[in-house]
Amino acid sequence: MRSISVIEFKNSFSEIIKQVKAGEEFAITEDNKSEAIGYFVKQIFKPKKRKLGLLEGKAAFTFGSDFEMTENEFLNLS
């Protein structure tokens, strides 16, 4: 994995995209530090389409336009 600064990443973005597509991996660092703040790597998996399960093709669900749910309700924190 090659380390490059944010500025180098910004200035060479198109070339880096080509290299990532070819399998190269990059650690992005701040200009004067060696600690990585992010990584730029090729996606190695593709998420599968989520299925409804046993009812796929036999059932459907919709939310009414007046449906509301608080964040606490969604996270079951109430």
Protein backbone atom coordinates (compact mmCIF):
# COMPACT_ATOMS: atom_id res chain seq x y z
CA MET A 1 0.00 0.00 0.00
CA ARG A 2 1.38 3.34 -1.05
CA SER A 3 1.07 6.43 1.20
CA ILE A 4 0.32 9.78 -0.40
CA SER A 5 -0.57 13.21 0.96
CA VAL A 6 -3.98 14.81 0.54
CA ILE A 7 -2.47 17.37 -1.85
CA GLU A 8 -0.84 14.67 -3.99
CA PHE A 9 -4.11 12.74 -3.98
CA LYS A 10 -6.01 15.84 -5.10
CA ASN A 11 -3.51 16.73 -7.83
CA SER A 12 -3.27 13.18 -9.22
CA PHE A 13 -6.86 12.02 -8.73
CA SER A 14 -7.49 10.78 -12.30
CA GLU A 15 -4.25 8.79 -12.38
CA ILE A 16 -4.89 7.36 -8.91
CA ILE A 17 -8.36 6.21 -10.02
CA LYS A 18 -6.74 4.27 -12.88
CA GLN A 19 -4.23 2.71 -10.48
CA VAL A 20 -6.95 1.74 -7.98
CA LYS A 21 -8.93 0.08 -10.79
CA ALA A 22 -5.76 -1.90 -11.53
CA GLY A 23 -5.60 -3.07 -7.90
CA GLU A 24 -3.23 -0.53 -6.30
CA GLU A 25 -4.12 0.63 -2.76
CA PHE A 26 -3.44 4.04 -1.25
CA ALA A 27 -3.23 5.36 2.31
CA ILE A 28 -4.08 9.06 2.38
CA THR A 29 -2.11 11.14 4.91
CA GLU A 30 -2.11 14.76 6.02
CA ASP A 31 0.69 16.77 4.47
CA ASN A 32 3.17 16.65 7.34
CA LYS A 33 2.12 13.46 9.11
CA SER A 34 2.63 9.79 8.38
CA GLU A 35 -0.58 8.60 10.06
CA ALA A 36 -3.24 7.60 7.52
CA ILE A 37 -6.52 9.49 7.67
CA GLY A 38 -8.20 7.34 5.02
CA TYR A 39 -7.72 4.60 2.48
CA PHE A 40 -8.54 4.40 -1.21
CA VAL A 41 -8.90 0.81 -2.38
CA LYS A 42 -10.77 -1.11 -5.05
CA GLN A 43 -14.14 -2.47 -3.98
CA ILE A 44 -13.66 -6.22 -3.65
CA PHE A 45 -17.27 -7.27 -3.13
CA LYS A 46 -20.66 -6.23 -4.41
CA PRO A 47 -23.58 -6.20 -2.02
CA LYS A 48 -26.30 -8.65 -2.95
CA LYS A 49 -29.82 -7.46 -3.56
CA ARG A 50 -31.86 -7.80 -0.38
CA LYS A 51 -34.70 -10.25 -0.63
CA LEU A 52 -38.01 -10.13 1.19
CA GLY A 53 -37.48 -13.77 2.13
CA LEU A 54 -40.10 -16.47 1.81
CA LEU A 55 -42.71 -13.92 0.78
CA GLU A 56 -40.72 -12.52 -2.14
CA GLY A 57 -43.07 -12.01 -5.04
CA LYS A 58 -46.08 -12.87 -2.85
CA ALA A 59 -46.30 -9.80 -0.64
CA ALA A 60 -45.39 -6.14 -0.59
CA PHE A 61 -45.30 -3.31 1.91
CA THR A 62 -45.71 0.44 1.67
CA PHE A 63 -45.52 3.32 4.10
CA GLY A 64 -48.35 5.84 4.14
CA SER A 65 -47.53 9.46 3.37
CA ASP A 66 -48.43 10.33 6.98
CA PHE A 67 -46.07 7.73 8.50
CA GLU A 68 -43.75 9.21 11.12
CA MET A 69 -41.17 7.67 13.41
CA THR A 70 -38.76 9.39 15.76
CA GLU A 71 -35.12 8.41 15.87
CA ASN A 72 -35.65 6.96 19.37
CA GLU A 73 -38.55 4.84 18.13
CA PHE A 74 -36.46 3.64 15.19
CA LEU A 75 -33.60 2.70 17.49
CA ASN A 76 -36.03 1.23 20.02
CA LEU A 77 -34.80 3.60 22.75
CA SER A 78 -38.18 4.71 24.09
